[in-house]
N, C-alpha and C. Protein backbone atom coordinates (compact mmCIF):
# COMPACT_ATOMS: atom_id res chain seq x y z
N MET A 1 3.17 15.70 -43.05
CA MET A 1 3.09 16.39 -41.78
C MET A 1 3.14 15.36 -40.65
N PRO A 2 4.18 15.36 -39.82
CA PRO A 2 4.30 14.37 -38.74
C PRO A 2 3.29 14.63 -37.63
N VAL A 3 2.86 13.53 -37.02
CA VAL A 3 1.92 13.63 -35.91
C VAL A 3 2.72 13.73 -34.62
N GLU A 4 2.45 14.72 -33.84
CA GLU A 4 3.16 14.92 -32.58
C GLU A 4 2.26 14.55 -31.41
N THR A 5 2.84 13.86 -30.45
CA THR A 5 2.12 13.51 -29.23
C THR A 5 2.38 14.60 -28.21
N PRO A 6 1.35 15.19 -27.69
CA PRO A 6 1.58 16.24 -26.69
C PRO A 6 2.17 15.66 -25.41
N VAL A 7 2.98 16.42 -24.76
CA VAL A 7 3.63 15.99 -23.52
C VAL A 7 2.60 15.75 -22.44
N SER A 8 1.52 16.49 -22.47
CA SER A 8 0.52 16.37 -21.42
C SER A 8 -0.11 14.98 -21.40
N THR A 9 -0.20 14.30 -22.53
CA THR A 9 -0.76 12.95 -22.56
C THR A 9 0.13 12.00 -21.75
N VAL A 10 1.42 12.13 -21.89
CA VAL A 10 2.35 11.28 -21.14
C VAL A 10 2.25 11.59 -19.65
N ARG A 11 2.16 12.85 -19.32
CA ARG A 11 2.07 13.24 -17.91
C ARG A 11 0.78 12.75 -17.29
N ILE A 12 -0.32 12.79 -18.05
CA ILE A 12 -1.60 12.32 -17.53
C ILE A 12 -1.55 10.82 -17.29
N ALA A 13 -0.98 10.06 -18.22
CA ALA A 13 -0.89 8.60 -18.05
C ALA A 13 -0.04 8.26 -16.82
N GLY A 14 1.07 8.97 -16.63
CA GLY A 14 1.90 8.73 -15.45
C GLY A 14 1.18 9.10 -14.16
N ALA A 15 0.40 10.16 -14.20
CA ALA A 15 -0.35 10.58 -13.01
C ALA A 15 -1.42 9.56 -12.66
N VAL A 16 -2.06 8.99 -13.66
CA VAL A 16 -3.09 7.98 -13.41
C VAL A 16 -2.46 6.74 -12.79
N ARG A 17 -1.32 6.31 -13.31
CA ARG A 17 -0.64 5.14 -12.74
C ARG A 17 -0.19 5.41 -11.31
N THR A 18 0.35 6.58 -11.07
CA THR A 18 0.81 6.93 -9.72
C THR A 18 -0.35 6.95 -8.75
N ARG A 19 -1.45 7.55 -9.14
CA ARG A 19 -2.62 7.59 -8.26
C ARG A 19 -3.19 6.21 -8.02
N ALA A 20 -3.17 5.35 -9.04
CA ALA A 20 -3.65 3.98 -8.87
C ALA A 20 -2.76 3.21 -7.90
N LEU A 21 -1.45 3.42 -7.97
CA LEU A 21 -0.55 2.76 -7.03
C LEU A 21 -0.78 3.24 -5.60
N PHE A 22 -0.99 4.53 -5.43
CA PHE A 22 -1.28 5.03 -4.09
C PHE A 22 -2.61 4.49 -3.57
N ALA A 23 -3.61 4.39 -4.42
CA ALA A 23 -4.91 3.83 -4.00
C ALA A 23 -4.75 2.35 -3.64
N GLY A 24 -3.95 1.62 -4.42
CA GLY A 24 -3.68 0.22 -4.09
C GLY A 24 -2.94 0.07 -2.78
N GLY A 25 -2.01 0.98 -2.52
CA GLY A 25 -1.31 0.96 -1.24
C GLY A 25 -2.25 1.21 -0.07
N ALA A 26 -3.24 2.06 -0.28
CA ALA A 26 -4.23 2.32 0.77
C ALA A 26 -5.02 1.06 1.08
N VAL A 27 -5.43 0.35 0.06
CA VAL A 27 -6.19 -0.90 0.25
C VAL A 27 -5.30 -1.95 0.92
N LEU A 28 -4.07 -2.06 0.45
CA LEU A 28 -3.14 -3.06 0.99
C LEU A 28 -2.85 -2.83 2.46
N THR A 29 -2.52 -1.61 2.82
CA THR A 29 -2.21 -1.34 4.23
C THR A 29 -3.47 -1.36 5.11
N SER A 30 -4.61 -1.03 4.54
CA SER A 30 -5.86 -1.15 5.30
C SER A 30 -6.14 -2.61 5.65
N SER A 31 -5.78 -3.51 4.73
CA SER A 31 -6.00 -4.92 5.01
C SER A 31 -5.12 -5.40 6.16
N LEU A 32 -3.91 -4.87 6.28
CA LEU A 32 -3.06 -5.23 7.42
C LEU A 32 -3.63 -4.68 8.72
N VAL A 33 -4.12 -3.47 8.69
CA VAL A 33 -4.73 -2.88 9.89
C VAL A 33 -5.95 -3.72 10.28
N TYR A 34 -6.73 -4.17 9.31
CA TYR A 34 -7.87 -5.03 9.59
C TYR A 34 -7.42 -6.35 10.21
N LEU A 35 -6.37 -6.94 9.64
CA LEU A 35 -5.86 -8.21 10.15
C LEU A 35 -5.39 -8.06 11.60
N GLY A 36 -4.78 -6.95 11.93
CA GLY A 36 -4.33 -6.72 13.30
C GLY A 36 -5.45 -6.35 14.25
N ALA A 37 -6.57 -5.87 13.71
CA ALA A 37 -7.66 -5.41 14.57
C ALA A 37 -8.72 -6.48 14.85
N ILE A 38 -8.81 -7.53 14.05
CA ILE A 38 -9.92 -8.48 14.24
C ILE A 38 -9.76 -9.31 15.50
N TRP A 39 -8.53 -9.56 15.92
CA TRP A 39 -8.31 -10.17 17.22
C TRP A 39 -6.88 -9.87 17.65
N PRO A 40 -6.65 -9.77 18.95
CA PRO A 40 -5.28 -9.49 19.42
C PRO A 40 -4.36 -10.67 19.08
N SER A 41 -3.28 -10.37 18.40
CA SER A 41 -2.31 -11.39 18.00
C SER A 41 -1.00 -10.70 17.69
N ALA A 42 -0.08 -11.46 17.14
CA ALA A 42 1.20 -10.88 16.72
C ALA A 42 0.98 -9.88 15.59
N TYR A 43 -0.08 -10.06 14.82
CA TYR A 43 -0.39 -9.12 13.74
C TYR A 43 -0.72 -7.74 14.29
N THR A 44 -1.25 -7.69 15.48
CA THR A 44 -1.58 -6.40 16.08
C THR A 44 -0.31 -5.57 16.31
N LEU A 45 0.76 -6.24 16.75
CA LEU A 45 2.02 -5.53 16.96
C LEU A 45 2.60 -4.99 15.65
N VAL A 46 2.39 -5.71 14.57
CA VAL A 46 2.88 -5.27 13.27
C VAL A 46 1.97 -4.17 12.71
N ALA A 47 0.67 -4.26 13.01
CA ALA A 47 -0.31 -3.32 12.44
C ALA A 47 -0.29 -1.95 13.11
N ILE A 48 0.12 -1.88 14.36
CA ILE A 48 0.08 -0.59 15.07
C ILE A 48 0.92 0.49 14.38
N PRO A 49 2.17 0.21 13.98
CA PRO A 49 2.91 1.28 13.29
C PRO A 49 2.38 1.58 11.89
N VAL A 50 1.57 0.70 11.34
CA VAL A 50 1.07 0.87 9.97
C VAL A 50 -0.27 1.62 9.94
N VAL A 51 -0.85 1.90 11.09
CA VAL A 51 -2.17 2.55 11.13
C VAL A 51 -2.23 3.86 10.33
N PRO A 52 -1.24 4.74 10.37
CA PRO A 52 -1.34 5.98 9.59
C PRO A 52 -1.19 5.77 8.07
N ALA A 53 -0.61 4.66 7.65
CA ALA A 53 -0.29 4.47 6.23
C ALA A 53 -1.50 4.54 5.30
N PRO A 54 -2.65 3.91 5.61
CA PRO A 54 -3.78 4.03 4.68
C PRO A 54 -4.23 5.48 4.48
N PHE A 55 -4.20 6.27 5.55
CA PHE A 55 -4.60 7.67 5.43
C PHE A 55 -3.59 8.47 4.60
N LEU A 56 -2.31 8.18 4.81
CA LEU A 56 -1.28 8.86 4.02
C LEU A 56 -1.36 8.46 2.55
N PHE A 57 -1.62 7.19 2.29
CA PHE A 57 -1.79 6.74 0.91
C PHE A 57 -3.00 7.43 0.26
N LEU A 58 -4.10 7.52 0.99
CA LEU A 58 -5.28 8.19 0.43
C LEU A 58 -5.00 9.66 0.14
N TYR A 59 -4.31 10.33 1.04
CA TYR A 59 -3.98 11.73 0.82
C TYR A 59 -3.05 11.87 -0.39
N ALA A 60 -2.08 10.96 -0.48
CA ALA A 60 -1.14 11.00 -1.60
C ALA A 60 -1.81 10.64 -2.92
N THR A 61 -2.93 9.93 -2.86
CA THR A 61 -3.67 9.62 -4.09
C THR A 61 -4.15 10.90 -4.75
N PHE A 62 -4.57 11.84 -3.95
CA PHE A 62 -5.09 13.10 -4.49
C PHE A 62 -4.01 14.17 -4.62
N ARG A 63 -2.92 14.03 -3.87
CA ARG A 63 -1.82 15.00 -3.93
C ARG A 63 -0.48 14.24 -3.98
N PRO A 64 -0.13 13.66 -5.14
CA PRO A 64 1.12 12.88 -5.23
C PRO A 64 2.39 13.63 -4.85
N PRO A 65 2.52 14.93 -5.13
CA PRO A 65 3.76 15.61 -4.71
C PRO A 65 3.98 15.59 -3.20
N PHE A 66 2.91 15.44 -2.44
CA PHE A 66 3.02 15.36 -0.98
C PHE A 66 3.96 14.22 -0.59
N ALA A 67 3.82 13.07 -1.23
CA ALA A 67 4.65 11.92 -0.88
C ALA A 67 6.01 11.98 -1.58
N PHE A 68 6.03 12.39 -2.84
CA PHE A 68 7.27 12.39 -3.59
C PHE A 68 8.29 13.39 -3.07
N SER A 69 7.84 14.45 -2.43
CA SER A 69 8.77 15.46 -1.94
C SER A 69 9.35 15.09 -0.57
N ARG A 70 8.93 13.97 -0.01
CA ARG A 70 9.41 13.55 1.31
C ARG A 70 9.98 12.13 1.22
N PRO A 71 11.29 12.00 1.12
CA PRO A 71 11.89 10.66 0.98
C PRO A 71 11.62 9.73 2.17
N ARG A 72 11.62 10.27 3.38
CA ARG A 72 11.35 9.42 4.55
C ARG A 72 9.93 8.89 4.53
N LEU A 73 8.99 9.71 4.08
CA LEU A 73 7.60 9.26 3.96
C LEU A 73 7.48 8.16 2.92
N MET A 74 8.17 8.31 1.80
CA MET A 74 8.12 7.27 0.77
C MET A 74 8.71 5.96 1.30
N ARG A 75 9.79 6.03 2.06
CA ARG A 75 10.36 4.81 2.66
C ARG A 75 9.36 4.18 3.62
N TYR A 76 8.72 4.99 4.44
CA TYR A 76 7.72 4.48 5.38
C TYR A 76 6.58 3.77 4.63
N LEU A 77 6.09 4.38 3.57
CA LEU A 77 5.00 3.79 2.81
C LEU A 77 5.43 2.49 2.13
N CYS A 78 6.66 2.45 1.64
CA CYS A 78 7.17 1.21 1.03
C CYS A 78 7.31 0.10 2.07
N VAL A 79 7.82 0.44 3.25
CA VAL A 79 7.96 -0.56 4.32
C VAL A 79 6.58 -1.02 4.79
N ALA A 80 5.64 -0.12 4.91
CA ALA A 80 4.28 -0.50 5.32
C ALA A 80 3.65 -1.44 4.30
N SER A 81 3.86 -1.17 3.03
CA SER A 81 3.33 -2.05 1.98
C SER A 81 4.00 -3.42 2.03
N ALA A 82 5.31 -3.44 2.21
CA ALA A 82 6.02 -4.71 2.29
C ALA A 82 5.57 -5.52 3.51
N LEU A 83 5.39 -4.86 4.64
CA LEU A 83 4.89 -5.56 5.83
C LEU A 83 3.50 -6.13 5.59
N SER A 84 2.67 -5.40 4.89
CA SER A 84 1.33 -5.89 4.59
C SER A 84 1.38 -7.15 3.75
N VAL A 85 2.19 -7.12 2.72
CA VAL A 85 2.32 -8.31 1.86
C VAL A 85 2.87 -9.49 2.64
N LEU A 86 3.92 -9.26 3.40
CA LEU A 86 4.54 -10.36 4.14
C LEU A 86 3.61 -10.95 5.19
N THR A 87 2.88 -10.12 5.91
CA THR A 87 1.98 -10.67 6.93
C THR A 87 0.83 -11.44 6.30
N TRP A 88 0.31 -10.97 5.17
CA TRP A 88 -0.76 -11.72 4.52
C TRP A 88 -0.24 -13.03 3.92
N LEU A 89 0.97 -13.03 3.39
CA LEU A 89 1.55 -14.29 2.90
C LEU A 89 1.73 -15.28 4.05
N PHE A 90 2.20 -14.78 5.19
CA PHE A 90 2.34 -15.66 6.36
C PHE A 90 0.99 -16.17 6.82
N GLU A 91 -0.03 -15.31 6.84
CA GLU A 91 -1.36 -15.74 7.27
C GLU A 91 -1.93 -16.82 6.34
N VAL A 92 -1.76 -16.64 5.05
CA VAL A 92 -2.24 -17.65 4.10
C VAL A 92 -1.48 -18.96 4.29
N TRP A 93 -0.15 -18.87 4.46
CA TRP A 93 0.63 -20.08 4.70
C TRP A 93 0.19 -20.77 5.99
N TRP A 94 -0.05 -19.98 7.04
CA TRP A 94 -0.46 -20.53 8.32
C TRP A 94 -1.81 -21.24 8.21
N LEU A 95 -2.77 -20.63 7.55
CA LEU A 95 -4.08 -21.25 7.39
C LEU A 95 -4.01 -22.50 6.51
N TYR A 96 -3.18 -22.47 5.48
CA TYR A 96 -3.00 -23.63 4.63
C TYR A 96 -2.37 -24.77 5.44
N ARG A 97 -1.40 -24.44 6.27
CA ARG A 97 -0.74 -25.46 7.08
C ARG A 97 -1.72 -26.08 8.08
N LEU A 98 -2.56 -25.25 8.70
CA LEU A 98 -3.56 -25.77 9.65
C LEU A 98 -4.57 -26.65 8.93
N HIS A 99 -4.97 -26.23 7.75
CA HIS A 99 -5.94 -27.01 6.98
C HIS A 99 -5.33 -28.33 6.53
N ASP A 100 -4.04 -28.33 6.22
CA ASP A 100 -3.35 -29.52 5.75
C ASP A 100 -3.23 -30.56 6.85
N ARG A 101 -3.10 -30.11 8.10
CA ARG A 101 -2.98 -31.02 9.23
C ARG A 101 -4.29 -31.71 9.58
N ALA A 102 -5.39 -31.04 9.33
CA ALA A 102 -6.69 -31.57 9.74
C ALA A 102 -7.19 -32.68 8.84
């Protein structure tokens, strides 16, 4: 008698991964908003358009079809995540460069 894997197990695993990615996006974009809010700088200009992204990521964590059914929203969330990564990489490089000079 062959053992069958129910389809629901695969769907649950995919849902958990999707929700984890949305939760990670919320943390990532929140960190950019924090970086832009701690003092006025060029990061503030980058962080202003990203302010709604953490809230959208949190909402999508609990309702993934909300984001998947809207292609423009998914593009916005991807761009917000990419901006977060790039600004933090630049910040780390900048601090390392300042530390290296001293």
